[in-house]
Amino acid sequence: MKIFHTPQELQEYRKTCQGSVGFVPTMGALHNGHISLIKKSVVENEQTIVSIFVNPTQFLATEDLSKYPKRTQADLKICSLANVDAVFMPEVQSIYFPLEPTIVAPFSKAYILEGLSRAGHFDGVLRVVLKLFNLTRPDRAYFGKKDAQQLYLIQNMVKTLFLPIDIIACDIIREEDGLALSSRNIYLSNEEKKDALLISKSLKIASKTIMSRGRKTKEIAKAMRETLLPLHVEYVEILSREFEPLESIEIGNTIILVAVKVGTTRLIDNIWI
């Protein structure tokens, strides 16, 4: 497995790649969710590139970038065991410059849900993803469905900028108890982890409500909020896969999304209907 620290090294390597290239962008602290993306890429492509880069432009001024978990050696070991061909680990100054054009996420889709209280967050996400796409020039890029809004905005960017990349949406990976895997789970105490299970429980209740009592979104959201009541609920939303409001569930075109705070840790989850 090769490790590159500069864009120039990565670009030279990319010229030598034969066959299809899969790309998995990450911010490190890899867990089984990331591993599932990597393994899918390895199976589906001749070459797989993983990036590990904690992107500063997607953090707000009030958010502590330095607290983001870093496990470099463990991450590299995981990539090696998963048969990754190359890992890209750049420094910030090699990715961003004092004068450069920027990309702005569509306001109506980027300033709701995750973007409502994080103005500019998705601008930073799209900015770095576009740079990484330009460097890796992948045939396929792999993203988890847990970050559904991010996934939608990246798919939209690829479509509207005519990028020749297939975006592969991968299912959420969960712990045995149902908790969606996240790098933030390490911040949960044992008691908070028990509380966090109400998130997946609320999504199961949503599924049962759809099966037994109909498809009205207000009724489903009400049942979910009642389940989440002990937690600080930021949002429960039922939207189309184009992130438009729905009055009733549309099978094959619905995402049910939830964001809560468990203690001081903010967690998100969703199901696709």
C-alpha atoms as a PDB file:
ATOM      1  CA  MET A   1       0.000   0.000   0.000  1.00  0.00           C
ATOM      2  CA  LYS A   2       1.323   3.401  -1.003  1.00  0.00           C
ATOM      3  CA  ILE A   3       0.959   6.509   1.154  1.00  0.00           C
ATOM      4  CA  PHE A   4       0.987   9.975  -0.396  1.00  0.00           C
ATOM      5  CA  HIS A   5       1.173  13.341   1.376  1.00  0.00           C
ATOM      6  CA  THR A   6       1.101  15.802  -1.519  1.00  0.00           C
ATOM      7  CA  PRO A   7      -1.291  16.317  -4.426  1.00  0.00           C
ATOM      8  CA  GLN A   8       1.618  16.020  -6.849  1.00  0.00           C
ATOM      9  CA  GLU A   9       2.532  12.535  -5.570  1.00  0.00           C
ATOM     10  CA  LEU A  10      -1.077  11.406  -5.849  1.00  0.00           C
ATOM     11  CA  GLN A  11      -1.449  12.797  -9.359  1.00  0.00           C
ATOM     12  CA  GLU A  12       1.692  11.015 -10.528  1.00  0.00           C
ATOM     13  CA  TYR A  13       0.420   7.768  -9.029  1.00  0.00           C
ATOM     14  CA  ARG A  14      -2.997   8.225 -10.636  1.00  0.00           C
ATOM     15  CA  LYS A  15      -1.352   8.366 -14.071  1.00  0.00           C
ATOM     16  CA  THR A  16      -0.056   4.822 -13.516  1.00  0.00           C
ATOM     17  CA  CYS A  17      -3.379   3.285 -12.465  1.00  0.00           C
ATOM     18  CA  GLN A  18      -4.765   0.631 -14.770  1.00  0.00           C
ATOM     19  CA  GLY A  19      -8.445  -0.243 -14.868  1.00  0.00           C
ATOM     20  CA  SER A  20     -11.212   1.280 -12.765  1.00  0.00           C
ATOM     21  CA  VAL A  21     -10.459   3.407  -9.714  1.00  0.00           C
ATOM     22  CA  GLY A  22     -12.643   3.530  -6.620  1.00  0.00           C
ATOM     23  CA  PHE A  23     -12.348   6.358  -4.101  1.00  0.00           C
ATOM     24  CA  VAL A  24     -13.387   6.540  -0.449  1.00  0.00           C
ATOM     25  CA  PRO A  25     -12.969   9.999   1.139  1.00  0.00           C
ATOM     26  CA  THR A  26     -12.748   9.979   4.955  1.00  0.00           C
ATOM     27  CA  MET A  27     -11.667  12.167   7.848  1.00  0.00           C
ATOM     28  CA  GLY A  28     -10.024   9.214   9.558  1.00  0.00           C
ATOM     29  CA  ALA A  29     -10.968   7.567  12.881  1.00  0.00           C
ATOM     30  CA  LEU A  30     -12.091   4.680  10.693  1.00  0.00           C
ATOM     31  CA  HIS A  31     -14.762   2.288  11.944  1.00  0.00           C
ATOM     32  CA  ASN A  32     -16.738  -0.585  10.442  1.00  0.00           C
ATOM     33  CA  GLY A  33     -18.891   1.861   8.493  1.00  0.00           C
ATOM     34  CA  HIS A  34     -15.841   3.172   6.660  1.00  0.00           C
ATOM     35  CA  ILE A  35     -14.507  -0.356   6.247  1.00  0.00           C
ATOM     36  CA  SER A  36     -17.729  -1.417   4.512  1.00  0.00           C
ATOM     37  CA  LEU A  37     -17.230   1.380   1.949  1.00  0.00           C
ATOM     38  CA  ILE A  38     -13.598   0.446   1.429  1.00  0.00           C
ATOM     39  CA  LYS A  39     -14.364  -3.253   0.980  1.00  0.00           C
ATOM     40  CA  LYS A  40     -17.073  -2.475  -1.563  1.00  0.00           C
ATOM     41  CA  SER A  41     -14.647  -0.335  -3.533  1.00  0.00           C
ATOM     42  CA  VAL A  42     -11.947  -3.027  -3.429  1.00  0.00           C
ATOM     43  CA  VAL A  43     -14.400  -5.608  -4.784  1.00  0.00           C
ATOM     44  CA  GLU A  44     -15.757  -3.344  -7.528  1.00  0.00           C
ATOM     45  CA  ASN A  45     -12.533  -1.715  -8.783  1.00  0.00           C
ATOM     46  CA  GLU A  46      -9.005  -2.601  -9.849  1.00  0.00           C
ATOM     47  CA  GLN A  47      -7.588   0.210  -7.692  1.00  0.00           C
ATOM     48  CA  THR A  48      -8.901   1.766  -4.481  1.00  0.00           C
ATOM     49  CA  ILE A  49      -7.737   5.105  -3.085  1.00  0.00           C
ATOM     50  CA  VAL A  50      -8.689   6.252   0.427  1.00  0.00           C
ATOM     51  CA  SER A  51      -8.167   9.815   1.615  1.00  0.00           C
ATOM     52  CA  ILE A  52      -7.695  10.690   5.282  1.00  0.00           C
ATOM     53  CA  PHE A  53      -8.060  14.426   5.726  1.00  0.00           C
ATOM     54  CA  VAL A  54      -9.784  16.387   8.482  1.00  0.00           C
ATOM     55  CA  ASN A  55     -11.188  19.167   6.346  1.00  0.00           C
ATOM     56  CA  PRO A  56     -11.108  22.548   8.111  1.00  0.00           C
ATOM     57  CA  THR A  57     -13.493  24.339   5.753  1.00  0.00           C
ATOM     58  CA  GLN A  58     -16.494  22.292   6.891  1.00  0.00           C
ATOM     59  CA  PHE A  59     -16.022  23.247  10.549  1.00  0.00           C
ATOM     60  CA  LEU A  60     -17.589  26.427  11.899  1.00  0.00           C
ATOM     61  CA  ALA A  61     -15.644  28.977  13.911  1.00  0.00           C
ATOM     62  CA  THR A  62     -17.467  27.785  17.044  1.00  0.00           C
ATOM     63  CA  GLU A  63     -16.547  24.138  16.467  1.00  0.00           C
ATOM     64  CA  ASP A  64     -13.315  22.716  17.846  1.00  0.00           C
ATOM     65  CA  LEU A  65     -11.486  21.192  14.903  1.00  0.00           C
ATOM     66  CA  SER A  66      -8.656  20.052  17.168  1.00  0.00           C
ATOM     67  CA  LYS A  67     -10.986  17.714  19.077  1.00  0.00           C
ATOM     68  CA  TYR A  68     -11.808  15.614  16.031  1.00  0.00           C
ATOM     69  CA  PRO A  69     -10.499  12.098  16.808  1.00  0.00           C
ATOM     70  CA  LYS A  70      -7.239  11.117  15.120  1.00  0.00           C
ATOM     71  CA  ARG A  71      -5.957   7.524  14.949  1.00  0.00           C
ATOM     72  CA  THR A  72      -3.476   7.641  12.091  1.00  0.00           C
ATOM     73  CA  GLN A  73      -1.602   4.395  12.657  1.00  0.00           C
ATOM     74  CA  ALA A  74      -4.771   2.428  13.311  1.00  0.00           C
ATOM     75  CA  ASP A  75      -6.349   3.921  10.183  1.00  0.00           C
ATOM     76  CA  LEU A  76      -3.380   2.937   8.033  1.00  0.00           C
ATOM     77  CA  LYS A  77      -3.456  -0.590   9.453  1.00  0.00           C
ATOM     78  CA  ILE A  78      -7.157  -0.874   8.616  1.00  0.00           C
ATOM     79  CA  CYS A  79      -6.522   0.299   5.051  1.00  0.00           C
ATOM     80  CA  SER A  80      -3.660  -2.139   4.615  1.00  0.00           C
ATOM     81  CA  LEU A  81      -5.706  -5.089   5.870  1.00  0.00           C
ATOM     82  CA  ALA A  82      -8.558  -4.088   3.558  1.00  0.00           C
ATOM     83  CA  ASN A  83      -6.207  -4.196   0.527  1.00  0.00           C
ATOM     84  CA  VAL A  84      -6.341  -0.490  -0.225  1.00  0.00           C
ATOM     85  CA  ASP A  85      -3.875   0.441  -2.970  1.00  0.00           C
ATOM     86  CA  ALA A  86      -3.141   4.034  -1.942  1.00  0.00           C
ATOM     87  CA  VAL A  87      -3.862   6.373   0.959  1.00  0.00           C
ATOM     88  CA  PHE A  88      -3.807  10.146   0.529  1.00  0.00           C
ATOM     89  CA  MET A  89      -2.973  12.083   3.719  1.00  0.00           C
ATOM     90  CA  PRO A  90      -2.290  15.707   2.759  1.00  0.00           C
ATOM     91  CA  GLU A  91      -1.479  18.720   4.896  1.00  0.00           C
ATOM     92  CA  VAL A  92      -3.994  21.563   4.881  1.00  0.00           C
ATOM     93  CA  GLN A  93      -1.609  23.988   3.148  1.00  0.00           C
ATOM     94  CA  SER A  94      -1.267  21.631   0.182  1.00  0.00           C
ATOM     95  CA  ILE A  95      -5.036  21.541  -0.356  1.00  0.00           C
ATOM     96  CA  TYR A  96      -6.078  25.163   0.207  1.00  0.00           C
ATOM     97  CA  PHE A  97      -4.621  28.400  -1.083  1.00  0.00           C
ATOM     98  CA  PRO A  98      -4.987  32.107  -0.226  1.00  0.00           C
ATOM     99  CA  LEU A  99      -6.670  32.846  -3.558  1.00  0.00           C
ATOM    100  CA  GLU A 100      -8.911  30.243  -5.088  1.00  0.00           C
ATOM    101  CA  PRO A 101     -12.427  29.941  -6.534  1.00  0.00           C
ATOM    102  CA  THR A 102     -14.919  28.375  -4.169  1.00  0.00           C
ATOM    103  CA  ILE A 103     -18.084  26.357  -4.572  1.00  0.00           C
ATOM    104  CA  VAL A 104     -21.349  27.222  -2.837  1.00  0.00           C
ATOM    105  CA  ALA A 105     -23.933  24.561  -2.030  1.00  0.00           C
ATOM    106  CA  PRO A 106     -27.531  25.201  -3.195  1.00  0.00           C
ATOM    107  CA  PHE A 107     -29.081  27.327  -0.462  1.00  0.00           C
ATOM    108  CA  SER A 108     -32.502  25.627  -0.381  1.00  0.00           C
ATOM    109  CA  LYS A 109     -30.940  22.192   0.176  1.00  0.00           C
ATOM    110  CA  ALA A 110     -27.855  23.089   2.217  1.00  0.00           C
ATOM    111  CA  TYR A 111     -29.368  25.397   4.855  1.00  0.00           C
ATOM    112  CA  ILE A 112     -31.914  22.927   6.204  1.00  0.00           C
ATOM    113  CA  LEU A 113     -31.444  20.014   8.627  1.00  0.00           C
ATOM    114  CA  GLU A 114     -27.668  19.643   9.135  1.00  0.00           C
ATOM    115  CA  GLY A 115     -27.014  23.019   7.531  1.00  0.00           C
ATOM    116  CA  LEU A 116     -29.594  24.978   9.508  1.00  0.00           C
ATOM    117  CA  SER A 117     -27.312  25.657  12.458  1.00  0.00           C
ATOM    118  CA  ARG A 118     -24.050  25.117  10.544  1.00  0.00           C
ATOM    119  CA  ALA A 119     -24.061  27.867   7.944  1.00  0.00           C
ATOM    120  CA  GLY A 120     -21.424  27.164   5.307  1.00  0.00           C
ATOM    121  CA  HIS A 121     -20.766  23.593   6.437  1.00  0.00           C
ATOM    122  CA  PHE A 122     -21.819  22.040   3.141  1.00  0.00           C
ATOM    123  CA  ASP A 123     -19.930  24.675   1.164  1.00  0.00           C
ATOM    124  CA  GLY A 124     -16.799  23.305   2.828  1.00  0.00           C
ATOM    125  CA  VAL A 125     -17.819  19.694   2.199  1.00  0.00           C
ATOM    126  CA  LEU A 126     -18.400  20.235  -1.513  1.00  0.00           C
ATOM    127  CA  ARG A 127     -15.249  22.318  -1.795  1.00  0.00           C
ATOM    128  CA  VAL A 128     -12.987  19.566  -0.500  1.00  0.00           C
ATOM    129  CA  VAL A 129     -14.824  16.719  -2.235  1.00  0.00           C
ATOM    130  CA  LEU A 130     -14.487  18.459  -5.594  1.00  0.00           C
ATOM    131  CA  LYS A 131     -10.747  18.929  -5.012  1.00  0.00           C
ATOM    132  CA  LEU A 132     -10.366  15.274  -4.036  1.00  0.00           C
ATOM    133  CA  PHE A 133     -12.341  14.164  -7.082  1.00  0.00           C
ATOM    134  CA  ASN A 134     -10.067  16.243  -9.308  1.00  0.00           C
ATOM    135  CA  LEU A 135      -6.977  14.673  -7.737  1.00  0.00           C
ATOM    136  CA  THR A 136      -8.147  11.052  -7.735  1.00  0.00           C
ATOM    137  CA  ARG A 137     -10.303  11.115 -10.899  1.00  0.00           C
ATOM    138  CA  PRO A 138     -12.247   8.062  -9.729  1.00  0.00           C
ATOM    139  CA  ASP A 139     -14.670   5.980 -11.737  1.00  0.00           C
ATOM    140  CA  ARG A 140     -16.687   5.387  -8.584  1.00  0.00           C
ATOM    141  CA  ALA A 141     -16.798   7.169  -5.222  1.00  0.00           C
ATOM    142  CA  TYR A 142     -18.338   5.643  -2.111  1.00  0.00           C
ATOM    143  CA  PHE A 143     -20.422   7.451   0.519  1.00  0.00           C
ATOM    144  CA  GLY A 144     -22.584   6.245   3.403  1.00  0.00           C
ATOM    145  CA  LYS A 145     -26.327   6.829   3.536  1.00  0.00           C
ATOM    146  CA  LYS A 146     -26.100   7.986   7.157  1.00  0.00           C
ATOM    147  CA  ASP A 147     -24.988  11.417   5.947  1.00  0.00           C
ATOM    148  CA  ALA A 148     -27.979  11.543   3.624  1.00  0.00           C
ATOM    149  CA  GLN A 149     -28.026  15.302   3.060  1.00  0.00           C
ATOM    150  CA  GLN A 150     -24.316  15.333   2.270  1.00  0.00           C
ATOM    151  CA  LEU A 151     -24.827  12.408  -0.109  1.00  0.00           C
ATOM    152  CA  TYR A 152     -27.619  14.240  -1.929  1.00  0.00           C
ATOM    153  CA  LEU A 153     -25.566  17.429  -2.301  1.00  0.00           C
ATOM    154  CA  ILE A 154     -22.568  15.507  -3.636  1.00  0.00           C
ATOM    155  CA  GLN A 155     -24.777  13.648  -6.112  1.00  0.00           C
ATOM    156  CA  ASN A 156     -26.212  16.988  -7.221  1.00  0.00           C
ATOM    157  CA  MET A 157     -22.732  18.490  -7.624  1.00  0.00           C
ATOM    158  CA  VAL A 158     -21.589  15.546  -9.743  1.00  0.00           C
ATOM    159  CA  LYS A 159     -24.692  15.823 -11.927  1.00  0.00           C
ATOM    160  CA  THR A 160     -24.683  19.591 -12.412  1.00  0.00           C
ATOM    161  CA  LEU A 161     -20.929  19.905 -12.966  1.00  0.00           C
ATOM    162  CA  PHE A 162     -20.957  16.949 -15.394  1.00  0.00           C
ATOM    163  CA  LEU A 163     -18.347  14.983 -13.438  1.00  0.00           C
ATOM    164  CA  PRO A 164     -17.811  11.496 -14.914  1.00  0.00           C
ATOM    165  CA  ILE A 165     -18.115   9.728 -11.569  1.00  0.00           C
ATOM    166  CA  ASP A 166     -20.607   7.164 -10.288  1.00  0.00           C
ATOM    167  CA  ILE A 167     -21.603   7.972  -6.707  1.00  0.00           C
ATOM    168  CA  ILE A 168     -22.225   4.716  -4.851  1.00  0.00           C
ATOM    169  CA  ALA A 169     -24.575   5.112  -1.876  1.00  0.00           C
ATOM    170  CA  CYS A 170     -23.846   2.489   0.795  1.00  0.00           C
ATOM    171  CA  ASP A 171     -26.125   1.262   3.561  1.00  0.00           C
ATOM    172  CA  ILE A 172     -25.727   2.361   7.180  1.00  0.00           C
ATOM    173  CA  ILE A 173     -23.685  -0.033   9.305  1.00  0.00           C
ATOM    174  CA  ARG A 174     -24.961  -0.532  12.848  1.00  0.00           C
ATOM    175  CA  GLU A 175     -23.731  -2.017  16.081  1.00  0.00           C
ATOM    176  CA  GLU A 176     -25.501  -5.164  17.261  1.00  0.00           C
ATOM    177  CA  ASP A 177     -27.783  -3.081  19.468  1.00  0.00           C
ATOM    178  CA  GLY A 178     -28.898  -0.961  16.493  1.00  0.00           C
ATOM    179  CA  LEU A 179     -26.848   2.185  17.088  1.00  0.00           C
ATOM    180  CA  ALA A 180     -25.562   3.611  13.815  1.00  0.00           C
ATOM    181  CA  LEU A 181     -21.778   3.607  13.680  1.00  0.00           C
ATOM    182  CA  SER A 182     -20.191   7.046  14.012  1.00  0.00           C
ATOM    183  CA  SER A 183     -16.818   8.442  14.987  1.00  0.00           C
ATOM    184  CA  ARG A 184     -18.731  10.423  17.639  1.00  0.00           C
ATOM    185  CA  ASN A 185     -19.911   7.292  19.470  1.00  0.00           C
ATOM    186  CA  ILE A 186     -16.627   7.208  21.389  1.00  0.00           C
ATOM    187  CA  TYR A 187     -17.780  10.297  23.299  1.00  0.00           C
ATOM    188  CA  LEU A 188     -20.819   8.487  24.767  1.00  0.00           C
ATOM    189  CA  SER A 189     -20.743   7.179  28.327  1.00  0.00           C
ATOM    190  CA  ASN A 190     -22.295   3.763  28.974  1.00  0.00           C
ATOM    191  CA  GLU A 191     -25.486   5.429  30.194  1.00  0.00           C
ATOM    192  CA  GLU A 192     -25.597   7.801  27.231  1.00  0.00           C
ATOM    193  CA  LYS A 193     -25.130   4.897  24.846  1.00  0.00           C
ATOM    194  CA  LYS A 194     -28.269   3.298  26.290  1.00  0.00           C
ATOM    195  CA  ASP A 195     -30.133   6.570  25.750  1.00  0.00           C
ATOM    196  CA  ALA A 196     -28.828   6.760  22.188  1.00  0.00           C
ATOM    197  CA  LEU A 197     -30.589   3.483  21.358  1.00  0.00           C
ATOM    198  CA  LEU A 198     -33.844   5.462  21.370  1.00  0.00           C
ATOM    199  CA  ILE A 199     -32.759   6.835  17.985  1.00  0.00           C
ATOM    200  CA  SER A 200     -32.859   3.497  16.175  1.00  0.00           C
ATOM    201  CA  LYS A 201     -35.931   2.550  18.224  1.00  0.00           C
ATOM    202  CA  SER A 202     -37.757   5.629  16.897  1.00  0.00           C
ATOM    203  CA  LEU A 203     -36.882   4.646  13.331  1.00  0.00           C
ATOM    204  CA  LYS A 204     -38.192   1.121  13.917  1.00  0.00           C
ATOM    205  CA  ILE A 205     -41.414   2.612  15.262  1.00  0.00           C
ATOM    206  CA  ALA A 206     -41.646   4.713  12.097  1.00  0.00           C
ATOM    207  CA  SER A 207     -41.370   1.554   9.988  1.00  0.00           C
ATOM    208  CA  LYS A 208     -44.042  -0.217  12.056  1.00  0.00           C
ATOM    209  CA  THR A 209     -46.333   2.816  11.866  1.00  0.00           C
ATOM    210  CA  ILE A 210     -46.036   2.825   8.076  1.00  0.00           C
ATOM    211  CA  MET A 211     -46.891  -0.880   7.935  1.00  0.00           C
ATOM    212  CA  SER A 212     -49.803  -0.814  10.381  1.00  0.00           C
ATOM    213  CA  ARG A 213     -51.461   2.586  10.520  1.00  0.00           C
ATOM    214  CA  GLY A 214     -50.865   4.360   7.268  1.00  0.00           C
ATOM    215  CA  ARG A 215     -48.405   6.728   5.676  1.00  0.00           C
ATOM    216  CA  LYS A 216     -49.213  10.222   6.944  1.00  0.00           C
ATOM    217  CA  THR A 217     -45.888  11.879   7.749  1.00  0.00           C
ATOM    218  CA  LYS A 218     -47.223  13.980  10.649  1.00  0.00           C
ATOM    219  CA  GLU A 219     -48.462  10.871  12.440  1.00  0.00           C
ATOM    220  CA  ILE A 220     -45.152   9.074  11.919  1.00  0.00           C
ATOM    221  CA  ALA A 221     -43.099  12.059  13.100  1.00  0.00           C
ATOM    222  CA  LYS A 222     -45.314  12.395  16.201  1.00  0.00           C
ATOM    223  CA  ALA A 223     -44.740   8.737  17.127  1.00  0.00           C
ATOM    224  CA  MET A 224     -41.002   9.175  16.684  1.00  0.00           C
ATOM    225  CA  ARG A 225     -40.852  12.329  18.820  1.00  0.00           C
ATOM    226  CA  GLU A 226     -42.739  10.582  21.608  1.00  0.00           C
ATOM    227  CA  THR A 227     -40.139   7.801  21.562  1.00  0.00           C
ATOM    228  CA  LEU A 228     -37.265  10.311  21.598  1.00  0.00           C
ATOM    229  CA  LEU A 229     -38.838  12.472  24.313  1.00  0.00           C
ATOM    230  CA  PRO A 230     -36.125  12.022  26.991  1.00  0.00           C
ATOM    231  CA  LEU A 231     -33.500  13.282  24.514  1.00  0.00           C
ATOM    232  CA  HIS A 232     -32.899  16.757  23.109  1.00  0.00           C
ATOM    233  CA  VAL A 233     -34.415  16.424  19.629  1.00  0.00           C
ATOM    234  CA  GLU A 234     -33.051  18.805  16.987  1.00  0.00           C
ATOM    235  CA  TYR A 235     -35.225  17.522  14.196  1.00  0.00           C
ATOM    236  CA  VAL A 236     -37.389  14.681  12.941  1.00  0.00           C
ATOM    237  CA  GLU A 237     -38.070  15.120   9.247  1.00  0.00           C
ATOM    238  CA  ILE A 238     -39.702  12.985   6.578  1.00  0.00           C
ATOM    239  CA  LEU A 239     -38.645  14.104   3.116  1.00  0.00           C
ATOM    240  CA  SER A 240     -38.388  12.899  -0.452  1.00  0.00           C
ATOM    241  CA  ARG A 241     -34.999  11.799  -1.717  1.00  0.00           C
ATOM    242  CA  GLU A 242     -34.789  15.202  -3.385  1.00  0.00           C
ATOM    243  CA  PHE A 243     -35.148  16.681   0.122  1.00  0.00           C
ATOM    244  CA  GLU A 244     -38.621  18.083  -0.456  1.00  0.00           C
ATOM    245  CA  PRO A 245     -41.436  17.922   2.165  1.00  0.00           C
ATOM    246  CA  LEU A 246     -43.918  15.050   1.976  1.00  0.00           C
ATOM    247  CA  GLU A 247     -47.419  14.799   3.398  1.00  0.00           C
ATOM    248  CA  SER A 248     -47.460  11.031   3.067  1.00  0.00           C
ATOM    249  CA  ILE A 249     -44.856   8.328   2.615  1.00  0.00           C
ATOM    250  CA  GLU A 250     -43.836   7.536  -0.954  1.00  0.00           C
ATOM    251  CA  ILE A 251     -42.336   4.070  -1.051  1.00  0.00           C
ATOM    252  CA  GLY A 252     -39.008   4.199  -2.874  1.00  0.00           C
ATOM    253  CA  ASN A 253     -38.721   7.988  -2.542  1.00  0.00           C
ATOM    254  CA  THR A 254     -38.670   8.749   1.191  1.00  0.00           C
ATOM    255  CA  ILE A 255     -35.999   9.377   3.810  1.00  0.00           C
ATOM    256  CA  ILE A 256     -36.856   9.639   7.505  1.00  0.00           C
ATOM    257  CA  LEU A 257     -34.161  11.645   9.279  1.00  0.00           C
ATOM    258  CA  VAL A 258     -33.474  12.360  12.921  1.00  0.00           C
ATOM    259  CA  ALA A 259     -30.879  14.392  14.825  1.00  0.00           C
ATOM    260  CA  VAL A 260     -30.582  14.447  18.616  1.00  0.00           C
ATOM    261  CA  LYS A 261     -28.151  15.379  21.332  1.00  0.00           C
ATOM    262  CA  VAL A 262     -27.255  12.684  23.821  1.00  0.00           C
ATOM    263  CA  GLY A 263     -25.500  14.559  26.589  1.00  0.00           C
ATOM    264  CA  THR A 264     -23.153  16.829  24.654  1.00  0.00           C
ATOM    265  CA  THR A 265     -22.814  14.456  21.689  1.00  0.00           C
ATOM    266  CA  ARG A 266     -24.839  15.154  18.564  1.00  0.00           C
ATOM    267  CA  LEU A 267     -25.961  12.080  16.620  1.00  0.00           C
ATOM    268  CA  ILE A 268     -27.840  11.607  13.350  1.00  0.00           C
ATOM    269  CA  ASP A 269     -29.559   8.603  11.800  1.00  0.00           C
ATOM    270  CA  ASN A 270     -32.071   7.820   9.085  1.00  0.00           C
ATOM    271  CA  ILE A 271     -33.917   5.142   7.182  1.00  0.00           C
ATOM    272  CA  TRP A 272     -34.703   5.034   3.480  1.00  0.00           C
ATOM    273  CA  ILE A 273     -38.218   3.896   2.645  1.00  0.00           C
END
